[in-house]
Protein backbone atom coordinates (compact mmCIF):
# COMPACT_ATOMS: atom_id res chain seq x y z
CA MET A 1 107.67 109.21 94.03
CA ALA A 2 107.79 105.89 92.02
CA LEU A 3 111.51 105.77 92.09
CA ALA A 4 111.41 105.20 95.86
CA ILE A 5 109.00 102.20 95.49
CA LEU A 6 111.27 100.65 92.88
CA LEU A 7 114.39 100.84 94.92
CA ALA A 8 112.45 98.95 97.63
CA LEU A 9 111.78 96.31 94.98
CA LEU A 10 115.52 95.82 94.16
CA VAL A 11 116.92 95.50 97.56
CA PRO A 12 116.69 92.41 99.81
CA ALA A 13 114.59 91.88 102.82
CA ALA A 14 115.70 91.38 106.46
CA SER A 15 114.46 91.26 110.08
CA ALA A 16 114.54 94.00 112.59
CA PHE A 17 112.95 95.52 115.70
CA TYR A 18 110.80 98.67 115.29
CA LEU A 19 109.58 101.56 117.11
CA PRO A 20 105.88 101.94 116.95
CA GLY A 21 106.08 105.58 115.75
CA ILE A 22 102.74 106.80 117.08
CA ALA A 23 101.14 106.92 120.51
CA PRO A 24 98.68 104.03 121.44
CA SER A 25 94.89 104.85 121.42
CA GLU A 26 93.11 103.65 124.41
CA TYR A 27 89.39 102.99 124.40
CA ASP A 28 86.84 102.85 127.23
CA GLU A 29 84.31 99.93 127.20
CA GLY A 30 81.66 100.94 124.76
CA ALA A 31 83.63 103.71 123.05
CA PRO A 32 83.15 103.78 119.20
CA LEU A 33 85.70 102.40 117.03
CA LYS A 34 86.11 103.59 113.42
CA ILE A 35 86.80 101.24 110.50
CA LEU A 36 88.43 103.18 107.58
CA ALA A 37 88.25 102.09 103.97
CA ASN A 38 91.77 101.96 102.18
CA LYS A 39 91.40 100.66 98.73
CA LEU A 40 90.88 97.75 96.44
CA VAL A 41 94.11 95.66 95.33
CA SER A 42 94.79 92.62 93.32
CA ALA A 43 97.81 90.55 92.49
CA LYS A 44 96.35 89.95 89.11
CA ASN A 45 95.75 93.63 88.24
CA VAL A 46 98.23 95.96 89.74
CA VAL A 47 95.88 99.04 89.15
CA PRO A 48 94.40 99.82 92.63
CA PHE A 49 90.90 101.44 92.93
CA ASP A 50 88.98 103.33 95.49
CA TYR A 51 86.94 101.28 97.87
CA TYR A 52 83.86 103.08 96.74
CA SER A 53 84.41 102.64 93.05
CA LEU A 54 82.09 99.65 93.59
CA PRO A 55 78.40 100.37 94.73
CA LEU A 56 79.00 98.98 98.41
CA CYS A 57 77.44 100.30 101.51
CA THR A 58 78.06 104.07 101.45
CA PRO A 59 78.05 106.29 104.40
CA PRO A 60 76.92 109.96 104.08
CA ASN A 61 80.49 111.28 104.24
CA ALA A 62 82.06 108.64 102.01
CA GLY A 63 84.77 110.06 99.86
CA LYS A 64 86.20 112.52 102.51
CA SER A 65 89.49 110.74 103.30
CA ASN A 66 91.44 111.54 106.48
CA ARG A 67 94.79 113.45 106.07
CA LEU A 68 97.42 111.12 104.25
CA SER A 69 101.19 111.41 104.05
CA LEU A 70 102.88 112.15 100.80
CA GLY A 71 103.98 108.38 100.55
CA GLN A 72 100.41 107.24 101.07
CA VAL A 73 99.15 109.51 98.31
CA LEU A 74 101.77 108.24 95.87
CA MET A 75 100.91 104.59 96.65
CA GLY A 76 97.12 105.28 96.11
CA GLU A 77 96.01 104.70 99.74
CA ARG A 78 92.92 106.17 101.35
CA ALA A 79 91.43 106.50 104.78
CA GLU A 80 87.65 106.92 104.10
CA PRO A 81 84.82 106.44 106.59
CA THR A 82 82.59 103.29 106.52
CA SER A 83 79.10 102.35 107.71
CA TYR A 84 80.39 99.84 110.28
CA ASP A 85 79.30 100.63 113.60
CA LEU A 86 81.45 99.21 116.40
CA SER A 87 81.73 99.70 120.22
CA MET A 88 84.67 98.59 122.19
CA ASN A 89 84.14 95.17 123.82
CA VAL A 90 80.54 94.92 122.80
CA ASN A 91 79.86 91.82 120.84
CA GLU A 92 77.14 91.77 118.13
CA THR A 93 75.82 89.31 115.75
CA CYS A 94 74.44 89.53 112.22
CA LYS A 95 74.11 93.45 112.50
CA LEU A 96 72.62 95.08 109.37
CA LEU A 97 74.91 97.18 107.27
CA CYS A 98 72.74 98.17 104.38
CA ASP A 99 70.53 96.73 101.64
CA LYS A 100 71.51 97.30 98.01
CA SER A 101 69.84 96.81 94.69
CA TYR A 102 72.08 96.30 91.65
CA ASP A 103 71.27 96.78 87.98
CA GLN A 104 72.96 94.88 85.06
CA GLN A 105 75.72 97.52 84.86
CA ASP A 106 76.52 97.04 88.57
CA VAL A 107 76.64 93.42 88.07
CA ALA A 108 79.06 93.69 85.28
CA HIS A 109 81.23 95.99 87.42
CA PHE A 110 81.20 93.51 90.27
CA LYS A 111 82.00 90.68 87.85
CA ASP A 112 85.11 92.42 86.65
CA ARG A 113 86.63 93.15 90.09
CA VAL A 114 85.83 89.62 91.36
CA ALA A 115 87.13 88.02 88.31
CA ASP A 116 90.40 89.97 88.76
CA GLU A 117 90.59 88.61 92.40
CA TYR A 118 90.39 92.10 94.07
CA ASN A 119 90.79 92.42 97.79
CA ALA A 120 89.30 95.12 100.10
CA ARG A 121 91.61 96.71 102.40
CA LEU A 122 90.15 98.00 105.77
CA ASN A 123 91.93 99.47 108.72
CA LEU A 124 90.94 99.72 112.35
CA ASP A 125 93.22 101.81 114.69
CA ASN A 126 95.84 101.89 112.07
CA LEU A 127 96.03 98.04 111.81
CA PRO A 128 94.96 96.34 108.53
CA VAL A 129 92.29 93.63 108.43
CA ILE A 130 93.58 90.15 107.66
CA VAL A 131 92.25 86.80 106.73
CA LYS A 132 93.87 83.85 108.36
CA GLY A 133 94.45 80.45 106.73
CA LYS A 134 96.80 77.43 106.71
CA ASN A 135 99.28 76.49 103.96
CA ASP A 136 100.12 73.00 102.60
CA LEU A 137 102.58 72.50 105.73
CA ASP A 138 99.74 73.37 108.09
CA GLU A 139 101.32 76.55 108.99
CA GLU A 140 99.44 79.65 109.74
CA VAL A 141 99.35 82.30 106.94
CA PHE A 142 97.36 85.34 106.25
CA GLN A 143 96.44 87.75 103.48
CA LEU A 144 95.86 91.61 103.82
CA GLY A 145 92.30 92.44 103.24
CA TYR A 146 89.34 90.18 102.25
CA PRO A 147 88.44 88.98 98.86
CA LEU A 148 85.30 90.73 97.38
CA GLY A 149 83.93 87.42 96.35
CA PHE A 150 84.42 84.31 94.10
CA MET A 151 83.29 83.35 90.49
CA GLU A 152 80.65 80.48 90.24
CA GLY A 153 81.70 79.24 86.69
CA ASP A 154 83.08 81.95 84.32
CA ALA A 155 79.94 84.36 84.40
CA THR A 156 78.43 84.52 87.81
CA PRO A 157 80.16 86.48 90.62
CA CYS A 158 79.22 85.71 94.23
CA LEU A 159 79.83 88.32 96.83
CA TYR A 160 81.16 88.12 100.40
CA ASN A 161 78.36 90.14 101.86
CA HIS A 162 78.74 89.08 105.56
CA LEU A 163 81.96 89.83 107.47
CA ALA A 164 82.74 88.23 110.67
CA PHE A 165 85.16 90.59 112.44
CA THR A 166 87.39 89.75 115.27
CA VAL A 167 88.95 92.49 117.20
CA ARG A 168 91.75 91.53 119.61
CA TYR A 169 92.36 93.74 122.51
CA HIS A 170 95.00 94.16 125.30
CA LYS A 171 94.30 95.76 128.69
CA PRO A 172 97.30 97.81 129.63
CA SER A 173 98.72 97.41 133.23
CA GLY A 174 101.14 99.55 135.31
CA PRO A 175 101.19 102.03 138.05
CA MET A 176 99.18 104.48 136.01
CA TYR A 177 96.26 102.10 135.50
CA ALA A 178 94.00 100.89 138.12
CA LYS A 179 93.33 97.27 138.50
CA ASP A 180 89.51 97.64 137.69
CA ALA A 181 90.03 100.21 134.92
CA ASN A 182 88.25 99.38 131.58
CA GLN A 183 90.66 100.61 129.17
CA PHE A 184 91.53 98.65 126.11
CA ARG A 185 93.99 98.74 123.18
CA VAL A 186 93.54 97.26 119.75
CA VAL A 187 96.21 94.66 118.96
CA GLY A 188 94.46 92.60 116.11
CA PHE A 189 91.88 93.02 113.43
CA GLU A 190 90.78 89.80 111.61
CA VAL A 191 87.78 88.93 109.37
CA VAL A 192 86.15 85.84 108.02
CA PRO A 193 84.24 86.65 104.77
CA MET A 194 81.15 84.69 104.09
CA SER A 195 78.61 84.72 101.20
CA VAL A 196 75.04 84.51 102.31
CA ALA A 197 71.75 84.75 100.35
CA HIS A 198 69.95 86.46 103.26
CA THR A 199 66.08 86.07 103.42
CA LYS A 200 63.67 88.01 105.50
CA ASP A 201 60.37 87.08 107.16
CA ASP A 202 57.13 89.14 107.15
CA LYS A 203 58.48 91.62 109.78
CA SER A 204 61.59 92.20 107.61
CA GLU A 205 63.70 90.26 110.17
CA LEU A 206 66.66 88.24 108.88
CA THR A 207 65.92 84.51 108.96
CA THR A 208 69.41 83.59 107.98
CA CYS A 209 70.92 84.85 111.18
CA PRO A 210 73.10 83.72 112.81
CA VAL A 211 74.94 82.89 109.63
CA GLU A 212 75.96 79.32 109.14
CA SER A 213 78.85 78.22 106.93
CA SER A 214 76.46 75.97 105.04
CA ALA A 215 74.17 78.88 103.85
CA SER A 216 73.53 79.48 100.33
CA PRO A 217 75.85 81.92 98.59
CA GLN A 218 74.79 85.36 97.50
CA CYS A 219 75.55 85.35 93.62
CA LEU A 220 74.63 87.91 91.30
CA THR A 221 72.48 87.27 88.11
CA ALA A 222 72.53 89.33 85.04
CA SER A 223 69.21 90.96 86.06
CA SER A 224 68.60 93.24 88.90
CA THR A 225 69.67 91.69 92.30
CA SER A 226 69.25 92.82 95.88
CA VAL A 227 71.99 92.21 98.37
CA THR A 228 71.88 92.41 102.17
CA TYR A 229 75.05 93.21 103.88
CA THR A 230 75.77 92.15 107.32
CA TYR A 231 78.54 91.63 109.91
CA ASP A 232 79.49 90.18 113.27
CA ILE A 233 81.72 91.72 115.84
CA THR A 234 83.63 89.48 118.29
CA TYR A 235 86.11 90.83 120.87
CA ILE A 236 88.92 88.57 122.23
CA GLU A 237 91.35 89.54 125.01
CA SER A 238 95.02 88.99 123.92
CA GLU A 239 98.30 88.86 125.88
CA LEU A 240 99.93 90.64 122.86
CA GLN A 241 100.94 94.10 123.74
CA TRP A 242 100.28 97.15 121.79
CA ALA A 243 104.01 97.92 121.10
CA THR A 244 104.35 94.45 119.45
CA ARG A 245 101.03 94.21 117.81
CA TRP A 246 102.56 94.24 114.34
CA ASP A 247 104.89 91.41 115.10
CA PRO A 248 102.51 88.42 114.01
CA LEU A 249 102.13 90.26 110.55
CA LEU A 250 105.82 90.66 110.13
CA LYS A 251 107.19 87.31 111.05
CA ALA A 252 108.70 85.50 108.11
CA ASN A 253 107.90 81.92 107.16
CA PRO A 254 110.59 79.83 108.92
CA GLU A 255 111.58 78.25 105.46
CA LEU A 256 112.03 81.88 104.08
CA LYS A 257 114.49 82.70 106.87
CA GLU A 258 116.44 79.52 106.35
CA ILE A 259 116.72 80.30 102.64
CA GLN A 260 117.94 83.84 103.35
CA TRP A 261 120.49 82.68 105.88
CA THR A 262 121.77 79.96 103.59
CA VAL A 263 122.14 82.56 100.68
CA TYR A 264 123.97 84.91 103.13
CA LEU A 265 126.40 82.22 104.10
CA ASP A 266 126.98 81.20 100.57
CA PHE A 267 128.02 84.70 99.44
CA ALA A 268 130.03 85.10 102.65
CA ARG A 269 132.12 82.17 101.43
CA TYR A 270 132.15 83.42 97.90
CA ASN A 271 133.66 86.79 99.06
CA ASN A 272 136.25 85.05 101.42
CA ILE A 273 139.34 84.78 99.20
CA ASP A 274 142.33 83.15 100.89
CA ASP A 275 145.72 84.84 100.49
CA ASP A 276 147.05 81.66 98.82
CA GLU A 277 144.57 82.29 95.98
CA GLU A 278 145.86 85.75 95.10
CA ILE A 279 146.01 86.65 91.42
CA GLN A 280 149.44 86.13 89.91
CA GLU A 281 150.93 89.47 89.21
CA GLU A 282 151.39 90.42 85.64
CA SER A 283 153.79 92.89 84.22
CA GLY A 284 151.90 94.37 81.32
CA TRP A 285 149.99 96.88 83.46
CA LYS A 286 153.27 98.68 84.23
CA LEU A 287 153.97 99.34 80.55
CA ILE A 288 150.87 101.54 80.17
CA HIS A 289 151.69 104.01 83.04
CA GLY A 290 151.72 106.84 80.60
CA ASP A 291 148.21 106.41 79.28
CA VAL A 292 146.24 104.69 82.22
CA PHE A 293 144.91 108.05 83.41
CA ARG A 294 144.14 109.33 79.99
CA PRO A 295 140.53 110.64 80.09
CA PRO A 296 137.88 108.41 78.54
CA ALA A 297 135.46 109.03 75.60
CA ALA A 298 132.16 110.74 76.93
CA SER A 299 133.74 111.59 80.27
CA GLY A 300 130.94 113.88 80.97
CA LEU A 301 128.20 111.29 80.66
CA LEU A 302 130.24 108.78 82.71
CA SER A 303 130.58 111.56 85.36
CA VAL A 304 126.82 112.02 85.49
CA PHE A 305 126.07 108.28 85.81
CA VAL A 306 128.61 107.95 88.64
CA GLY A 307 127.27 111.11 90.47
CA SER A 308 123.53 109.73 89.99
CA GLY A 309 124.54 106.38 91.43
CA ALA A 310 126.23 108.05 94.45
CA GLN A 311 123.00 109.80 95.16
CA ILE A 312 120.99 106.50 94.98
CA LEU A 313 123.66 104.79 97.34
CA CYS A 314 123.37 107.57 99.72
CA MET A 315 119.54 107.51 99.76
CA THR A 316 119.74 103.77 100.17
CA GLY A 317 122.17 103.84 102.99
CA VAL A 318 120.33 106.43 105.07
CA THR A 319 117.05 104.70 104.49
CA LEU A 320 118.49 101.37 105.84
CA VAL A 321 119.83 103.10 108.89
CA PHE A 322 116.44 104.37 109.69
CA ALA A 323 114.83 101.03 108.90
CA LEU A 324 117.26 99.22 111.18
CA LEU A 325 116.53 101.64 113.96
CA GLY A 326 112.85 100.94 113.65
CA PHE A 327 111.65 104.26 112.36
CA LEU A 328 110.03 102.78 109.41
CA SER A 329 107.38 100.56 110.99
CA PRO A 330 104.40 99.63 108.87
CA SER A 331 102.31 101.45 111.36
CA PHE A 332 103.92 104.60 109.87
CA ARG A 333 101.83 104.36 106.80
CA GLY A 334 103.58 105.64 103.78
CA GLY A 335 106.75 106.37 105.86
CA LEU A 336 109.07 104.31 103.64
CA LEU A 337 108.06 106.12 100.47
CA THR A 338 107.98 109.63 102.06
CA THR A 339 111.44 109.02 103.62
CA MET A 340 113.07 107.85 100.45
CA LEU A 341 111.59 110.64 98.35
CA SER A 342 112.72 113.16 101.05
CA LEU A 343 116.17 111.68 101.11
CA TRP A 344 116.33 111.57 97.30
CA VAL A 345 115.79 115.36 97.18
CA LEU A 346 118.06 116.25 99.94
CA SER A 347 120.93 114.03 98.58
CA SER A 348 120.81 115.78 95.25
CA ALA A 349 123.90 117.61 96.28
CA VAL A 350 125.81 114.31 96.45
CA CYS A 351 125.00 113.80 92.77
CA GLY A 352 126.14 117.29 91.79
CA TYR A 353 129.26 117.00 93.85
CA TYR A 354 130.50 113.59 92.39
CA SER A 355 129.73 114.46 88.98
CA ALA A 356 131.52 117.63 89.16
CA ARG A 357 134.51 116.18 91.21
CA ILE A 358 135.08 113.30 88.75
CA TYR A 359 134.60 115.45 85.67
CA SER A 360 136.98 118.20 86.77
CA GLY A 361 139.48 115.53 87.84
CA LEU A 362 139.38 114.14 84.23
CA GLY A 363 140.18 117.48 82.84
CA GLY A 364 136.73 118.32 81.50
CA THR A 365 135.83 121.81 80.40
CA ASN A 366 132.15 121.67 79.57
CA LYS A 367 131.15 122.06 83.31
CA LYS A 368 127.59 123.65 82.66
CA SER A 369 126.43 120.63 80.60
CA VAL A 370 127.64 118.07 83.24
CA THR A 371 125.81 120.26 86.09
CA LEU A 372 122.73 120.29 84.03
CA GLY A 373 123.03 116.55 83.21
CA SER A 374 123.45 115.58 86.77
CA ALA A 375 120.41 117.58 87.59
CA PHE A 376 118.05 116.61 85.02
CA LEU A 377 119.29 113.35 83.14
CA PHE A 378 117.99 110.75 85.59
CA SER A 379 115.45 112.84 87.34
CA GLY A 380 114.05 114.00 84.11
CA ALA A 381 113.77 110.39 82.82
CA THR A 382 112.21 109.41 86.05
CA PHE A 383 109.53 112.03 85.84
CA VAL A 384 108.85 111.19 82.26
CA ILE A 385 108.13 107.57 83.11
CA PHE A 386 106.29 108.39 86.20
CA PHE A 387 103.94 110.89 84.61
CA GLY A 388 103.30 108.48 81.74
CA LEU A 389 102.33 105.75 84.09
CA ASN A 390 100.30 108.20 86.14
CA PHE A 391 98.40 109.07 83.02
CA LEU A 392 97.60 105.38 82.56
CA LEU A 393 96.33 105.11 86.19
CA TRP A 394 94.21 108.30 85.70
CA VAL A 395 92.62 107.00 82.55
CA SER A 396 91.89 103.74 84.46
CA GLY A 397 90.24 105.57 87.38
CA SER A 398 92.67 104.09 89.77
CA THR A 399 93.38 105.55 93.24
CA GLY A 400 96.98 105.02 92.27
CA ALA A 401 96.81 108.11 90.12
CA VAL A 402 98.57 110.97 91.74
CA PRO A 403 96.39 114.04 92.12
CA PHE A 404 97.26 117.24 90.13
CA PHE A 405 98.23 119.23 93.19
CA THR A 406 100.56 116.50 94.34
CA LEU A 407 102.21 116.49 90.98
CA LEU A 408 102.81 120.23 91.38
CA LEU A 409 104.25 119.53 94.78
CA LEU A 410 106.61 117.01 93.33
CA LEU A 411 107.64 119.41 90.71
CA VAL A 412 108.38 122.18 93.27
CA MET A 413 110.59 119.66 95.25
CA TRP A 414 112.41 118.88 92.02
CA PHE A 415 112.94 122.38 90.70
CA GLY A 416 112.82 124.34 93.99
CA ILE A 417 115.01 121.98 96.27
CA SER A 418 116.56 119.11 94.20
CA VAL A 419 118.02 121.21 91.36
CA PRO A 420 119.43 124.04 93.45
CA LEU A 421 121.13 121.51 95.90
CA ASN A 422 122.50 119.78 92.84
CA VAL A 423 124.00 122.98 91.50
CA ILE A 424 125.40 123.84 94.91
CA GLY A 425 126.97 120.38 95.24
CA ALA A 426 128.50 120.83 91.66
CA PHE A 427 129.89 124.22 92.61
CA ILE A 428 131.72 122.70 95.68
CA GLY A 429 132.83 119.92 93.61
CA TYR A 430 134.37 122.08 90.98
CA LYS A 431 136.07 124.07 93.80
CA GLN A 432 137.79 121.07 95.18
CA LYS A 433 141.41 120.40 94.29
CA ALA A 434 141.75 118.22 91.14
CA PHE A 435 142.72 114.58 91.57
CA GLU A 436 146.56 114.07 91.79
CA PHE A 437 147.46 111.21 89.71
CA PRO A 438 150.62 109.27 90.58
CA VAL A 439 151.97 109.17 86.98
CA ARG A 440 152.00 111.66 84.09
CA THR A 441 149.96 111.08 80.83
CA ASN A 442 151.89 111.03 77.65
CA GLN A 443 151.03 113.31 74.79
CA ILE A 444 150.70 110.67 72.17
CA PRO A 445 148.62 107.71 73.06
CA ARG A 446 150.08 104.25 73.15
CA GLU A 447 149.01 101.70 70.71
CA ILE A 448 147.03 98.88 72.39
CA PRO A 449 147.87 95.45 71.24
CA ASN A 450 145.06 93.13 70.12
CA SER A 451 142.51 95.77 71.20
CA SER A 452 138.87 94.95 70.80
CA ILE A 453 136.29 97.23 72.40
CA PHE A 454 133.56 94.83 71.51
CA SER A 455 135.22 91.94 73.62
CA ASN A 456 135.76 94.36 76.50
CA VAL A 457 132.11 95.53 76.61
CA LEU A 458 131.01 91.84 76.12
CA PHE A 459 133.16 90.73 78.98
CA GLY A 460 131.71 93.65 81.06
CA LEU A 461 128.16 92.66 80.36
CA ALA A 462 128.77 89.08 81.44
CA SER A 463 130.33 90.17 84.61
CA GLY A 464 127.15 91.74 85.72
CA ILE A 465 125.53 88.35 86.58
CA LEU A 466 127.72 88.13 89.70
CA PRO A 467 126.15 91.28 91.49
CA PHE A 468 122.73 90.10 90.20
CA GLY A 469 123.30 86.72 91.86
CA VAL A 470 123.89 88.30 95.07
CA VAL A 471 120.48 89.87 95.32
CA PHE A 472 118.51 87.17 93.12
CA MET A 473 116.89 85.15 95.99
CA GLU A 474 115.86 88.35 97.87
CA LEU A 475 114.60 89.87 94.65
CA VAL A 476 112.32 86.92 94.20
CA PHE A 477 110.90 87.37 97.61
CA ILE A 478 110.49 91.08 97.14
CA LEU A 479 108.71 90.97 93.87
CA ASN A 480 106.35 88.40 95.21
CA SER A 481 105.58 90.70 98.33
CA ILE A 482 105.31 93.99 96.41
CA TRP A 483 103.32 93.01 93.31
CA GLN A 484 101.22 90.47 95.18
CA ASN A 485 100.32 92.82 98.06
CA GLU A 486 102.08 91.29 101.00
CA ILE A 487 103.97 92.75 103.84
CA PHE A 488 107.66 92.21 103.80
CA TYR A 489 109.70 93.70 106.56
CA PHE A 490 113.18 92.24 107.11
CA PHE A 491 115.56 95.01 107.22
CA GLY A 492 118.43 93.16 108.89
CA PHE A 493 119.00 90.86 105.88
CA LEU A 494 118.59 93.81 103.67
CA GLY A 495 121.47 95.46 105.31
CA ALA A 496 123.62 92.41 105.29
CA VAL A 497 123.02 91.63 101.69
CA PHE A 498 123.53 95.24 100.67
CA LEU A 499 126.85 95.21 102.26
CA ILE A 500 127.72 91.80 100.42
CA LEU A 501 126.47 93.58 97.22
CA VAL A 502 128.89 96.48 97.70
CA LEU A 503 131.70 94.16 98.31
CA THR A 504 130.92 91.97 95.28
CA CYS A 505 130.61 94.98 93.07
CA ALA A 506 134.06 96.32 94.11
CA GLU A 507 135.61 92.94 93.70
CA VAL A 508 134.24 92.25 90.26
CA SER A 509 135.25 95.71 88.91
CA ILE A 510 138.74 95.61 90.40
CA VAL A 511 139.42 92.00 88.90
CA LEU A 512 138.09 93.03 85.44
CA THR A 513 140.03 96.26 85.46
CA TYR A 514 143.34 94.42 86.55
CA LEU A 515 142.88 91.91 83.83
CA GLN A 516 142.35 94.57 81.22
CA LEU A 517 145.39 96.45 82.45
CA SER A 518 147.51 93.46 82.22
CA LYS A 519 146.62 93.15 78.60
CA GLU A 520 148.07 96.60 78.15
CA SER A 521 144.82 98.23 77.58
CA TYR A 522 144.15 101.60 79.27
CA HIS A 523 140.48 101.92 78.15
CA TRP A 524 139.46 100.68 81.57
CA TRP A 525 137.06 103.63 82.54
CA TRP A 526 133.93 102.50 81.08
CA PRO A 527 134.37 98.81 81.38
CA ALA A 528 134.97 99.11 85.10
CA TYR A 529 131.50 100.88 85.33
CA ILE A 530 129.75 98.54 82.79
CA SER A 531 131.09 95.44 84.57
CA THR A 532 128.81 95.96 87.60
CA ALA A 533 126.20 98.39 86.13
CA SER A 534 125.23 95.61 83.58
CA SER A 535 123.64 93.79 86.49
CA GLY A 536 120.64 96.05 86.09
CA LEU A 537 120.07 94.28 82.73
CA TYR A 538 119.68 91.02 84.64
CA VAL A 539 117.46 92.53 87.16
CA PHE A 540 115.04 93.77 84.33
CA GLY A 541 115.41 90.44 82.40
CA TYR A 542 114.39 88.43 85.56
CA SER A 543 111.56 90.85 86.20
CA LEU A 544 110.08 90.06 82.88
CA ILE A 545 110.55 86.42 83.49
CA PHE A 546 108.80 86.67 86.88
CA LEU A 547 105.87 88.52 85.09
CA PHE A 548 105.26 85.73 82.66
CA THR A 549 105.93 82.79 84.96
CA GLN A 550 104.19 83.51 88.29
CA PRO A 551 100.69 81.95 88.53
CA GLY A 552 99.28 85.09 90.32
CA LEU A 553 100.40 87.30 87.48
CA LYS A 554 99.39 85.34 84.45
CA GLY A 555 96.65 86.99 82.35
CA ILE A 556 97.14 90.41 83.95
CA HIS A 557 95.60 93.29 82.05
CA VAL A 558 97.57 95.35 79.49
CA VAL A 559 97.58 98.47 81.64
CA SER A 560 98.93 96.47 84.69
CA THR A 561 101.69 94.98 82.34
CA LEU A 562 102.71 98.48 81.16
CA ILE A 563 102.78 99.84 84.81
CA TYR A 564 104.72 96.83 86.03
CA THR A 565 107.16 97.00 83.15
CA GLY A 566 107.59 100.81 83.43
CA TYR A 567 108.38 100.48 87.20
CA MET A 568 110.74 97.74 86.78
CA LEU A 569 112.59 99.41 83.99
CA LEU A 570 113.01 102.45 86.17
CA GLY A 571 114.18 100.39 89.17
CA SER A 572 116.50 98.26 87.11
CA PHE A 573 118.08 101.55 85.93
CA MET A 574 118.45 102.69 89.48
CA PHE A 575 120.09 99.48 90.46
CA ALA A 576 122.48 99.67 87.54
CA LEU A 577 123.47 103.24 88.41
CA GLY A 578 124.08 102.30 92.04
CA ALA A 579 126.05 99.01 91.21
CA GLY A 580 128.09 101.03 88.37
CA CYS A 581 129.16 103.86 90.85
CA ILE A 582 130.51 101.19 93.30
CA GLY A 583 132.44 99.47 90.53
CA PHE A 584 133.76 102.67 88.97
CA LEU A 585 134.95 104.21 92.39
CA SER A 586 136.48 100.96 93.47
CA SER A 587 138.47 100.55 90.30
CA PHE A 588 139.45 104.23 90.29
CA ALA A 589 140.79 103.90 93.82
CA PHE A 590 142.52 100.65 92.94
CA VAL A 591 144.34 102.04 89.85
CA ARG A 592 145.52 105.07 91.57
CA LYS A 593 146.89 102.74 94.40
CA ILE A 594 148.81 100.24 92.27
CA TYR A 595 150.43 102.97 90.11
CA ALA A 596 151.41 105.02 93.21
CA SER A 597 153.60 102.12 94.17
CA VAL A 598 155.37 101.95 90.78
CA HIS A 599 158.66 103.53 90.52
CA ILE A 600 159.11 104.87 86.94
CA ASP A 601 162.56 105.01 85.59
């Protein structure tokens, strides 16, 4: 579901080892290799399309995708056959793929996709095809997929109709392999796209082969145009072993790692408070011992928010453990999304339990409303936004549109698994012994001197900038990678910054609560939550700044803008719920602790 993608946008990135997740495929020399078509993606237009939404070389069985995981379906991925004919370790030059004739409508269709800078994603043996290049520092970089073409001027699209593939292979060794065994494993899949206006002689033989880099480009005019598609296959032996074949794609830029490590050290110093700098004790908080545990207004809504945040934190923590153990390798396509969706459903009991536990501890009596709220408030909002965005994708003809039966599956998971687990968790929570507060609550509320709810809320909103600052740099990298279609796989730093985020949220909320109690104000419940939950506003605000300032996202389509905004709104809300839960529970434990140490006369 979309909420799982969004959490991935809002948590930082980090490095880790990984387990391959699937058994290696071994090929004899001359054995056929299958190139599968995934989808068309663009950083300029976030709406993905089917590979065969364009009139490309289509095999007879086109449109019949291999079996996909739930995560792949939700991400709009495909695994469709192509017309490429490859044989292991058999080099070929300028092999004919097909001849296509395009009319004016086809040309206009290509023009739209090329102008939007769409890339074609292909896979071989579960590896994505990449295009290598150099950055300004002469460092090797790559992009996933190859561009469909380029624009010559503003009106003429030119197609990359010749693809020079390079397949890197490794020959396994060991006691179970003979020295002269010709078995190969695919460890790399690269392509150099070229635009060539092919010509033929009287015998229909291509005269432009082998293809030279100086060849005239294949551009499409407004009238009918014929295009000949060709490809080269080159096999190169590699020392890279199959178990580590994803490593070159997952290595971070050295500058990126240095920035991440610097940020990590900065926040470590920020959170290291010396004993000599402890806050001077105030006496005002002792005077309100008879009102400090008075239930807040809208305690039911607060309990539902805290329970939803606990569910998000549970899902995030378990996912991080799986990721750090290496079970979420990119070779497990759709694995991250499938895992997070499954954990979200299974952790629904956590939401029900915490919502009920807190609400009953505050003396609430409308238990049914809180139970239903914990089961449907956030999940319902998520499904409404998700279905709305899915409708936009469906209208656009995108592969990102979730099929009808998958939507039914999601509803079954929600109503058939999530809701019952939530109710069970709430039942257990209500059965637990209520919280024992260290001091009794007076019947008549104490007057609060110089009370201003507005100033408390405003101060709480301003405090959210501190948790946001913890994840800011990682958020920048993640937004770049997710919305500009790059691989980001650094779960070590993700775990480290997540822990720093938890500590920061706890400290911010506790300090704000202590200051408020020192002013003899016992309305600390909601401010303790808002002080860290407000960081979600900063996440959403920055996501809008990112949308309108990144060169790769300037001029994106209205539908893309709506999809981006909807997903980031939902992701920011999830971030707010998780951060708010940490802040509230930390302050709740802090307040109970300090008043337990007070001897009341």
